[in-house]
């Protein structure tokens, strides 16, 4: 390369870096939580209410704090609020949990859902180009299961999986989530019973199509590598990268060869499935032109068919980013403790689940702000570290804390980075053995009654023997 070309390339690179820096400076993620637009949206979503100690905003903030705490009992939440009122010089309140429990019931599910969805969409939209893939928004899709207490009400709406014996298992929700790769934000979710018509992962996915827009790129596992899913997304202008479904045979001798084990091929429309109407079936095209490539031990299927524009190794690198959705769901379920919900009624279970998702997006907003100020990518920061710092901040008398203290907390979030996880392999097994308790194969109420009857019988026998 000649000196003139190197100089011109250096100037172009310097101009690009300056533009990216100006774009980063123009983004203030934290304004999402305290800006007038956000507060106006909160007011619009809140229900009409009279003045109480537990107003909807107070109730929601206490509910969110419960989701992040290790002790998520009602009593702990009420005690913390009572001490907060005392430190603010307000009238002493009761530590009875009944009023707070009723306030949580009055809080509309639509309010929590709307706030979580709005926060995720805005955070994803604010992601600057350096955080995106080729300037495009990449979204991740996956499903998981959430357990809850074994009550009659929960079993009626979310019955336990058929593989579990009666009295042994727990009610379970199937949750499907759409995540933003750039920021980790949860854009939207759909839930349903673990079994039954219209409750499969693909059925729930169909209710989340509104989160995908023209120009987006979707990453998902082999379950989504279906003709009808891909045709639906192509009609919306969405590109995708999936792993090949194991039920489909890939023959690289067919189609138009693009390179070693890399070809462009046409998929014919399969026969109409039983669940699809004839009218719906006729709306799908007769053929799809797709690209199949064998790279890194995987066969990937994608709509990015131009091999000169996107090399197969870049496709592998992009698909490997799908692992972040597994980490995000782990952050919500394990780090935040949503793996097992605590509410005993299905309406409150759904509300509790969405409070967790709202709390997750709030932490992601703070992490985006920290990454933006430190010149890092949000995926480089530790989610657990951010949760720990946020809890340490809100347990202080926040009314007496200055904005500089908040800015310092955000700077501290950027100090702990996650390790490089490329190609990480971990066995799904535990080394530490559980305590040698017998399995409970009936409801806990029945087991308690059985123990009481046994004790009563023993007491009667002792009295008889003494007489």
Protein backbone atom coordinates (compact mmCIF):
# COMPACT_ATOMS: atom_id res chain seq x y z
CA UNK A 1 0.00 0.00 0.00
CA UNK A 2 1.46 3.41 -0.98
CA UNK A 3 2.01 6.25 1.51
CA UNK A 4 -0.90 8.30 0.05
CA UNK A 5 -3.33 5.38 0.39
CA UNK A 6 -2.21 4.70 3.97
CA UNK A 7 -2.69 8.38 4.87
CA UNK A 8 -6.16 8.49 3.31
CA UNK A 9 -7.13 5.27 5.12
CA UNK A 10 -5.88 6.68 8.46
CA UNK A 11 -7.88 9.88 7.94
CA UNK A 12 -11.03 7.92 7.12
CA UNK A 13 -10.53 5.74 10.19
CA UNK A 14 -9.97 8.77 12.44
CA UNK A 15 -13.11 10.44 11.06
CA UNK A 16 -15.11 7.24 11.70
CA UNK A 17 -13.87 7.05 15.31
CA UNK A 18 -14.74 10.71 15.88
CA UNK A 19 -18.26 10.14 14.53
CA UNK A 20 -18.72 7.11 16.78
CA UNK A 21 -17.48 9.10 19.78
CA UNK A 22 -19.92 11.93 19.04
CA UNK A 23 -22.74 9.41 18.72
CA UNK A 24 -21.86 7.86 22.07
CA UNK A 25 -21.77 11.26 23.76
CA UNK A 26 -25.21 12.06 22.37
CA UNK A 27 -26.76 9.03 24.10
CA UNK A 28 -27.76 9.30 27.74
CA UNK A 29 -29.40 6.03 28.71
CA UNK A 30 -30.08 6.99 32.30
CA UNK A 31 -32.47 9.73 31.15
CA UNK A 32 -34.84 6.87 30.31
CA UNK A 33 -35.46 6.39 34.03
CA UNK A 34 -35.85 10.03 35.07
CA UNK A 35 -36.70 11.93 31.88
CA UNK A 36 -40.06 13.64 31.36
CA UNK A 37 -41.08 11.24 28.57
CA UNK A 38 -40.60 8.22 30.82
CA UNK A 39 -42.41 9.83 33.76
CA UNK A 40 -45.32 10.80 31.48
CA UNK A 41 -45.56 7.20 30.27
CA UNK A 42 -45.53 5.93 33.85
CA UNK A 43 -48.38 8.31 34.75
CA UNK A 44 -50.38 7.15 31.72
CA UNK A 45 -49.97 3.46 32.65
CA UNK A 46 -50.76 3.87 36.34
CA UNK A 47 -54.37 3.28 37.41
CA UNK A 48 -56.55 5.85 39.10
CA UNK A 49 -55.96 5.74 42.84
CA UNK A 50 -56.57 7.62 46.03
CA UNK A 51 -53.72 8.72 48.26
CA UNK A 52 -52.52 5.87 50.45
CA UNK A 53 -49.26 4.93 52.08
CA UNK A 54 -48.81 2.31 49.36
CA UNK A 55 -49.47 4.28 46.17
CA UNK A 56 -48.96 2.44 42.84
CA UNK A 57 -45.49 3.96 42.38
CA UNK A 58 -44.43 3.04 45.93
CA UNK A 59 -45.88 -0.45 45.56
CA UNK A 60 -44.12 -1.01 42.24
CA UNK A 61 -40.76 0.22 43.56
CA UNK A 62 -41.08 -2.07 46.61
CA UNK A 63 -42.05 -4.98 44.35
CA UNK A 64 -38.99 -4.38 42.15
CA UNK A 65 -36.71 -4.24 45.19
CA UNK A 66 -38.21 -7.54 46.37
CA UNK A 67 -37.27 -9.12 43.03
CA UNK A 68 -33.62 -8.09 43.46
CA UNK A 69 -33.24 -8.95 47.15
CA UNK A 70 -32.10 -12.34 48.40
CA UNK A 71 -34.82 -12.15 51.10
CA UNK A 72 -38.00 -11.62 49.07
CA UNK A 73 -40.50 -11.91 51.92
CA UNK A 74 -43.35 -9.40 52.31
CA UNK A 75 -42.18 -8.65 55.84
CA UNK A 76 -38.69 -7.63 54.66
CA UNK A 77 -40.18 -5.30 52.02
CA UNK A 78 -42.53 -3.64 54.55
CA UNK A 79 -39.78 -3.31 57.17
CA UNK A 80 -37.47 -1.62 54.66
CA UNK A 81 -40.21 0.80 53.66
CA UNK A 82 -40.98 1.61 57.31
CA UNK A 83 -37.31 2.39 57.99
CA UNK A 84 -37.14 4.49 54.80
CA UNK A 85 -40.12 6.56 55.99
CA UNK A 86 -38.50 6.99 59.39
CA UNK A 87 -35.23 8.19 57.85
CA UNK A 88 -37.19 10.68 55.71
CA UNK A 89 -38.91 12.09 58.79
CA UNK A 90 -42.38 10.85 57.81
CA UNK A 91 -45.11 9.55 60.08
CA UNK A 92 -44.41 6.15 61.57
CA UNK A 93 -46.30 3.41 59.76
CA UNK A 94 -47.37 -0.12 60.55
CA UNK A 95 -45.15 -3.10 59.74
CA UNK A 96 -48.17 -5.31 59.13
CA UNK A 97 -47.92 -6.83 55.64
CA UNK A 98 -51.68 -6.92 54.87
CA UNK A 99 -51.87 -3.42 53.36
CA UNK A 100 -48.84 -3.98 51.12
CA UNK A 101 -50.16 -7.37 50.01
CA UNK A 102 -53.48 -5.78 48.96
CA UNK A 103 -51.60 -2.97 47.19
CA UNK A 104 -49.71 -5.55 45.11
CA UNK A 105 -53.02 -7.14 44.13
CA UNK A 106 -54.41 -3.75 43.03
CA UNK A 107 -51.38 -3.06 40.82
CA UNK A 108 -52.49 -3.78 37.21
CA UNK A 109 -50.53 -6.38 35.28
CA UNK A 110 -50.79 -4.17 32.17
CA UNK A 111 -48.85 -1.42 33.97
CA UNK A 112 -45.90 -3.69 34.74
CA UNK A 113 -45.97 -5.25 31.28
CA UNK A 114 -46.14 -1.88 29.56
CA UNK A 115 -43.22 -0.42 31.51
CA UNK A 116 -40.99 -3.46 30.92
CA UNK A 117 -41.79 -3.50 27.20
CA UNK A 118 -41.33 0.26 26.77
CA UNK A 119 -37.99 0.25 28.61
CA UNK A 120 -36.65 -2.65 26.54
CA UNK A 121 -37.72 -1.14 23.21
CA UNK A 122 -36.24 2.28 24.00
CA UNK A 123 -32.97 0.81 25.24
CA UNK A 124 -32.58 -1.28 22.08
CA UNK A 125 -33.43 1.70 19.86
CA UNK A 126 -30.80 3.87 21.58
CA UNK A 127 -27.97 1.38 20.99
CA UNK A 128 -25.28 3.17 18.94
CA UNK A 129 -23.88 1.67 15.74
CA UNK A 130 -20.60 0.45 17.30
CA UNK A 131 -22.69 -1.90 19.47
CA UNK A 132 -24.63 -3.32 16.50
CA UNK A 133 -23.70 -5.84 13.82
CA UNK A 134 -22.93 -3.91 10.63
CA UNK A 135 -25.22 -1.20 11.93
CA UNK A 136 -28.14 -3.65 12.14
CA UNK A 137 -30.13 -4.64 15.20
CA UNK A 138 -29.60 -8.30 16.11
CA UNK A 139 -32.28 -9.98 18.21
CA UNK A 140 -32.18 -13.28 20.06
CA UNK A 141 -35.06 -15.69 20.66
CA UNK A 142 -35.31 -18.57 23.12
CA UNK A 143 -37.66 -20.26 25.57
CA UNK A 144 -37.40 -21.55 29.12
CA UNK A 145 -39.51 -22.93 31.97
CA UNK A 146 -40.40 -21.24 35.28
CA UNK A 147 -41.61 -23.13 38.35
CA UNK A 148 -44.04 -21.90 41.05
CA UNK A 149 -45.66 -23.09 44.29
CA UNK A 150 -47.80 -26.22 44.09
CA UNK A 151 -51.27 -24.81 44.78
CA UNK A 152 -54.61 -25.85 43.31
CA UNK A 153 -55.04 -22.45 41.59
CA UNK A 154 -51.57 -22.58 39.98
CA UNK A 155 -52.07 -26.20 38.90
CA UNK A 156 -55.39 -25.30 37.26
CA UNK A 157 -53.88 -22.60 35.03
CA UNK A 158 -50.32 -23.92 34.61
CA UNK A 159 -50.46 -27.71 35.11
CA UNK A 160 -47.26 -29.55 35.83
CA UNK A 161 -45.54 -31.45 32.98
CA UNK A 162 -47.02 -34.87 32.24
CA UNK A 163 -43.60 -36.45 32.88
CA UNK A 164 -43.97 -35.66 36.60
CA UNK A 165 -46.07 -37.89 38.84
CA UNK A 166 -49.10 -36.41 40.56
CA UNK A 167 -48.18 -34.84 43.88
CA UNK A 168 -44.46 -34.82 43.05
CA UNK A 169 -44.14 -32.04 40.47
CA UNK A 170 -44.83 -28.32 40.38
CA UNK A 171 -46.85 -26.05 38.10
CA UNK A 172 -44.71 -24.65 35.31
CA UNK A 173 -44.87 -21.69 32.92
CA UNK A 174 -43.35 -21.79 29.46
CA UNK A 175 -41.70 -18.42 28.75
CA UNK A 176 -40.43 -17.25 25.34
CA UNK A 177 -38.36 -14.05 25.27
CA UNK A 178 -36.93 -11.73 22.62
CA UNK A 179 -33.62 -10.13 23.65
CA UNK A 180 -31.51 -7.36 22.12
CA UNK A 181 -27.96 -8.53 21.43
CA UNK A 182 -26.48 -5.02 21.62
CA UNK A 183 -27.76 -4.07 25.08
CA UNK A 184 -29.13 -7.27 26.60
CA UNK A 185 -32.57 -5.65 26.96
CA UNK A 186 -35.64 -7.86 27.03
CA UNK A 187 -37.92 -6.52 24.30
CA UNK A 188 -41.00 -8.62 25.00
CA UNK A 189 -42.09 -12.02 26.24
CA UNK A 190 -44.95 -14.47 25.91
CA UNK A 191 -46.02 -17.10 28.40
CA UNK A 192 -48.35 -20.04 28.57
CA UNK A 193 -48.83 -23.48 30.12
CA UNK A 194 -46.11 -26.04 29.65
CA UNK A 195 -48.44 -28.30 27.65
CA UNK A 196 -51.61 -27.97 25.62
CA UNK A 197 -52.81 -26.66 22.26
CA UNK A 198 -51.26 -23.35 21.22
CA UNK A 199 -48.70 -23.31 24.04
CA UNK A 200 -45.61 -24.63 22.24
CA UNK A 201 -42.53 -22.46 21.93
CA UNK A 202 -43.24 -21.78 18.25
CA UNK A 203 -46.87 -20.86 19.00
CA UNK A 204 -45.76 -18.35 21.63
CA UNK A 205 -43.12 -17.05 19.20
CA UNK A 206 -45.86 -16.18 16.70
CA UNK A 207 -47.31 -13.70 19.23
CA UNK A 208 -43.97 -11.85 19.40
CA UNK A 209 -43.53 -11.08 15.70
CA UNK A 210 -44.29 -7.39 16.40
CA UNK A 211 -40.86 -7.08 18.06
CA UNK A 212 -39.10 -7.86 14.75
CA UNK A 213 -38.81 -5.12 12.13
CA UNK A 214 -37.46 -4.84 8.60
CA UNK A 215 -33.65 -4.79 8.68
CA UNK A 216 -33.36 -6.82 11.90
CA UNK A 217 -31.35 -10.04 12.14
CA UNK A 218 -32.73 -12.90 14.25
CA UNK A 219 -30.57 -15.60 15.86
CA UNK A 220 -32.26 -18.74 17.23
CA UNK A 221 -31.61 -22.44 17.68
CA UNK A 222 -32.61 -25.31 15.41
CA UNK A 223 -36.19 -25.41 16.71
CA UNK A 224 -36.96 -22.23 14.74
CA UNK A 225 -35.41 -23.53 11.50
CA UNK A 226 -38.82 -24.16 9.94
CA UNK A 227 -40.03 -23.30 6.43
CA UNK A 228 -43.07 -21.42 7.70
CA UNK A 229 -41.12 -19.47 10.35
CA UNK A 230 -38.49 -18.41 7.82
CA UNK A 231 -41.09 -17.46 5.20
CA UNK A 232 -42.95 -15.34 7.76
CA UNK A 233 -39.77 -13.51 8.77
CA UNK A 234 -38.68 -12.96 5.16
CA UNK A 235 -42.04 -11.35 4.42
CA UNK A 236 -41.32 -8.88 7.25
CA UNK A 237 -37.87 -8.06 5.83
CA UNK A 238 -36.06 -9.81 8.69
CA UNK A 239 -32.86 -11.77 8.05
CA UNK A 240 -32.03 -14.78 10.19
CA UNK A 241 -29.27 -17.22 11.08
CA UNK A 242 -30.43 -20.59 12.46
CA UNK A 243 -28.77 -23.92 13.06
CA UNK A 244 -30.05 -26.62 10.71
CA UNK A 245 -32.89 -28.71 12.12
CA UNK A 246 -31.82 -32.32 12.65
CA UNK A 247 -34.85 -33.63 10.74
CA UNK A 248 -33.64 -32.03 7.46
CA UNK A 249 -30.93 -33.63 5.32
CA UNK A 250 -28.35 -31.17 3.92
CA UNK A 251 -26.81 -32.24 0.61
CA UNK A 252 -24.07 -29.86 -0.55
CA UNK A 253 -24.03 -31.51 -3.99
CA UNK A 254 -27.31 -29.72 -4.73
CA UNK A 255 -27.95 -26.05 -5.37
CA UNK A 256 -25.52 -23.30 -6.41
CA UNK A 257 -22.04 -23.83 -4.97
CA UNK A 258 -20.60 -20.80 -3.14
CA UNK A 259 -17.50 -22.43 -1.65
CA UNK A 260 -16.38 -25.48 0.28
CA UNK A 261 -19.54 -26.95 1.89
CA UNK A 262 -21.33 -23.68 1.26
CA UNK A 263 -24.22 -23.39 -1.20
CA UNK A 264 -27.39 -21.53 -2.10
CA UNK A 265 -30.39 -23.81 -2.31
CA UNK A 266 -34.16 -23.67 -2.79
CA UNK A 267 -36.53 -25.11 -0.19
CA UNK A 268 -39.89 -26.29 -1.50
CA UNK A 269 -43.02 -25.60 0.53
CA UNK A 270 -43.87 -28.66 2.62
CA UNK A 271 -47.39 -30.13 2.82
CA UNK A 272 -49.95 -28.20 4.85
CA UNK A 273 -49.72 -29.06 8.57
CA UNK A 274 -52.93 -30.01 10.39
CA UNK A 275 -52.94 -26.88 12.54
CA UNK A 276 -52.83 -24.49 9.55
CA UNK A 277 -55.89 -23.41 7.58
CA UNK A 278 -55.95 -23.61 3.77
CA UNK A 279 -56.17 -19.83 3.54
CA UNK A 280 -53.04 -19.41 5.67
CA UNK A 281 -51.20 -22.09 3.70
CA UNK A 282 -51.89 -20.35 0.38
CA UNK A 283 -50.26 -17.12 1.59
CA UNK A 284 -46.83 -18.77 1.81
CA UNK A 285 -44.52 -18.80 -1.26
CA UNK A 286 -43.90 -22.02 -3.16
CA UNK A 287 -40.11 -21.79 -2.66
CA UNK A 288 -37.53 -20.09 -0.46
CA UNK A 289 -33.98 -19.28 -1.56
CA UNK A 290 -31.65 -19.88 1.41
CA UNK A 291 -27.99 -20.41 2.11
CA UNK A 292 -26.68 -23.50 3.91
CA UNK A 293 -23.08 -23.66 5.11
CA UNK A 294 -21.01 -26.09 7.17
CA UNK A 295 -18.68 -24.14 9.45
CA UNK A 296 -17.23 -24.74 12.90
CA UNK A 297 -18.90 -28.13 13.20
CA UNK A 298 -22.38 -26.63 12.61
CA UNK A 299 -24.63 -26.46 9.59
CA UNK A 300 -26.13 -22.97 9.52
CA UNK A 301 -29.15 -21.86 7.50
CA UNK A 302 -29.43 -18.16 6.69
CA UNK A 303 -31.14 -15.65 4.43
CA UNK A 304 -27.81 -13.78 4.07
CA UNK A 305 -27.16 -15.49 0.74
CA UNK A 306 -24.43 -13.17 -0.63
CA UNK A 307 -21.22 -15.06 0.21
CA UNK A 308 -19.03 -12.18 -0.97
CA UNK A 309 -20.72 -9.79 1.43
CA UNK A 310 -20.89 -12.14 4.44
CA UNK A 311 -18.24 -14.86 4.70
CA UNK A 312 -19.15 -18.19 6.28
CA UNK A 313 -16.73 -17.58 9.16
CA UNK A 314 -18.51 -14.31 9.92
CA UNK A 315 -21.79 -16.22 9.98
CA UNK A 316 -20.31 -18.60 12.56
CA UNK A 317 -19.06 -15.71 14.68
CA UNK A 318 -22.50 -14.08 14.51
CA UNK A 319 -24.35 -17.28 15.38
CA UNK A 320 -22.04 -17.89 18.35
CA UNK A 321 -23.44 -14.65 19.78
CA UNK A 322 -26.73 -16.52 20.21
CA UNK A 323 -25.25 -17.92 23.42
CA UNK A 324 -25.93 -14.54 25.05
CA UNK A 325 -29.65 -15.32 25.23
CA UNK A 326 -28.80 -18.34 27.40
CA UNK A 327 -26.73 -16.09 29.66
CA UNK A 328 -29.48 -13.46 29.79
CA UNK A 329 -32.09 -16.01 30.83
CA UNK A 330 -29.65 -17.34 33.42
CA UNK A 331 -29.21 -13.80 34.76
CA UNK A 332 -32.98 -13.46 35.16
CA UNK A 333 -33.62 -16.92 36.55
CA UNK A 334 -30.53 -17.68 38.63
CA UNK A 335 -28.87 -14.36 39.45
CA UNK A 336 -32.18 -12.58 40.17
CA UNK A 337 -33.89 -15.69 41.58
CA UNK A 338 -36.83 -16.02 39.16
CA UNK A 339 -36.21 -19.75 38.72
CA UNK A 340 -38.92 -20.48 41.30
CA UNK A 341 -41.64 -17.87 41.78
CA UNK A 342 -43.22 -17.37 45.21
CA UNK A 343 -46.83 -16.24 44.66
CA UNK A 344 -49.59 -18.76 45.29
CA UNK A 345 -52.26 -17.41 42.89
CA UNK A 346 -51.79 -17.44 39.08
CA UNK A 347 -52.69 -13.75 38.61
CA UNK A 348 -50.00 -12.75 41.11
CA UNK A 349 -47.57 -15.25 39.58
CA UNK A 350 -47.86 -13.50 36.21
CA UNK A 351 -47.46 -10.11 37.85
CA UNK A 352 -44.41 -11.27 39.83
CA UNK A 353 -42.80 -12.64 36.66
CA UNK A 354 -43.20 -9.32 34.81
CA UNK A 355 -41.83 -7.40 37.81
CA UNK A 356 -38.67 -9.49 37.48
CA UNK A 357 -38.48 -8.63 33.78
CA UNK A 358 -38.97 -4.93 34.55
CA UNK A 359 -36.23 -5.05 37.19
CA UNK A 360 -33.94 -6.82 34.70
CA UNK A 361 -34.43 -4.07 32.11
CA UNK A 362 -33.76 -1.37 34.72
CA UNK A 363 -30.40 -2.98 35.51
CA UNK A 364 -29.65 -3.22 31.77
CA UNK A 365 -30.31 0.53 31.41
CA UNK A 366 -27.72 1.26 34.12
CA UNK A 367 -25.24 -1.14 32.52
CA UNK A 368 -25.71 0.54 29.13
CA UNK A 369 -25.00 3.92 30.75
CA UNK A 370 -21.89 2.53 32.46
CA UNK A 371 -20.61 0.94 29.24
CA UNK A 372 -21.31 4.09 27.24
CA UNK A 373 -19.35 6.30 29.67
CA UNK A 374 -16.44 3.82 29.91
CA UNK A 375 -16.18 3.26 26.15
CA UNK A 376 -17.02 -0.46 26.46
CA UNK A 377 -19.69 -2.78 25.11
CA UNK A 378 -22.51 -3.67 27.55
CA UNK A 379 -21.82 -7.36 26.99
CA UNK A 380 -18.39 -6.87 28.57
CA UNK A 381 -19.88 -5.88 31.95
CA UNK A 382 -20.99 -8.18 34.77
CA UNK A 383 -24.74 -8.30 35.36
CA UNK A 384 -24.38 -9.66 38.90
CA UNK A 385 -21.91 -6.90 39.80
CA UNK A 386 -24.42 -4.31 38.55
CA UNK A 387 -27.23 -5.83 40.66
CA UNK A 388 -25.02 -5.82 43.76
CA UNK A 389 -24.07 -2.17 43.30
CA UNK A 390 -27.68 -1.13 42.67
CA UNK A 391 -28.85 -2.89 45.84
CA UNK A 392 -26.07 -1.26 47.82
CA UNK A 393 -27.16 2.13 46.47
CA UNK A 394 -30.91 1.82 47.14
CA UNK A 395 -30.40 0.53 50.69
CA UNK A 396 -28.95 3.92 51.60
CA UNK A 397 -31.14 6.89 52.54
CA UNK A 398 -31.51 7.81 48.87
CA UNK A 399 -33.08 11.19 49.63
CA UNK A 400 -29.74 12.33 51.06
CA UNK A 401 -27.59 11.00 48.23
CA UNK A 402 -26.26 13.42 45.63
CA UNK A 403 -26.29 12.90 41.84
CA UNK A 404 -22.50 12.62 42.06
CA UNK A 405 -22.94 9.50 44.19
CA UNK A 406 -25.18 7.96 41.53
CA UNK A 407 -22.64 8.84 38.83
CA UNK A 408 -19.95 7.17 40.92
CA UNK A 409 -22.06 4.00 41.20
CA UNK A 410 -22.43 3.91 37.40
CA UNK A 411 -18.66 4.32 36.99
CA UNK A 412 -18.10 1.44 39.43
CA UNK A 413 -20.31 -0.82 37.28
CA UNK A 414 -17.82 -0.56 34.44
CA UNK A 415 -14.90 -1.77 36.55
CA UNK A 416 -15.81 -5.49 36.58
CA UNK A 417 -15.77 -7.24 33.21
CA UNK A 418 -16.89 -10.76 32.42
CA UNK A 419 -14.39 -13.31 31.19
CA UNK A 420 -13.95 -14.35 27.58
CA UNK A 421 -16.43 -17.22 27.07
CA UNK A 422 -15.62 -18.32 23.51
CA UNK A 423 -16.12 -22.06 23.12
CA UNK A 424 -16.88 -22.53 26.81
CA UNK A 425 -17.96 -26.06 27.76
CA UNK A 426 -19.45 -26.97 31.14
CA UNK A 427 -21.06 -30.29 32.22
CA UNK A 428 -24.67 -30.06 33.37
CA UNK A 429 -23.97 -31.93 36.59
CA UNK A 430 -23.51 -31.21 40.30
CA UNK A 431 -20.63 -32.49 42.38
CA UNK A 432 -22.05 -31.65 45.83
CA UNK A 433 -24.70 -34.18 46.84
CA UNK A 434 -28.07 -33.07 48.23
CA UNK A 435 -29.12 -33.80 51.81
CA UNK A 436 -30.45 -37.37 52.24
CA UNK A 437 -34.12 -36.43 52.62
CA UNK A 438 -36.81 -38.67 51.19
CA UNK A 439 -38.82 -37.35 48.22
CA UNK A 440 -42.15 -35.67 49.01
CA UNK A 441 -44.69 -37.50 46.84
CA UNK A 442 -47.85 -35.78 48.03
CA UNK A 443 -48.93 -32.25 48.84
CA UNK A 444 -47.23 -30.65 51.83
CA UNK A 445 -50.61 -30.15 53.56
CA UNK A 446 -51.34 -33.90 53.38
CA UNK A 447 -47.86 -34.71 54.66
CA UNK A 448 -48.35 -32.39 57.64
CA UNK A 449 -51.69 -34.01 58.50
CA UNK A 450 -50.10 -37.45 58.30
CA UNK A 451 -47.34 -36.41 60.73
CA UNK A 452 -49.91 -34.93 63.15
CA UNK A 453 -52.01 -38.12 63.08
CA UNK A 454 -48.91 -40.24 63.67
CA UNK A 455 -47.90 -38.11 66.67
CA UNK A 456 -51.42 -38.24 68.06
CA UNK A 457 -51.51 -42.04 67.70
CA UNK A 458 -48.15 -42.40 69.47
CA UNK A 459 -49.30 -40.11 72.30
CA UNK A 460 -52.49 -42.20 72.76
CA UNK A 461 -50.44 -45.42 72.84
CA UNK A 462 -48.09 -44.01 75.50
CA UNK A 463 -51.01 -42.92 77.70
CA UNK A 464 -52.63 -46.35 77.36
CA UNK A 465 -49.38 -48.08 78.28
CA UNK A 466 -48.92 -45.84 81.34
CA UNK A 467 -52.49 -46.53 82.50
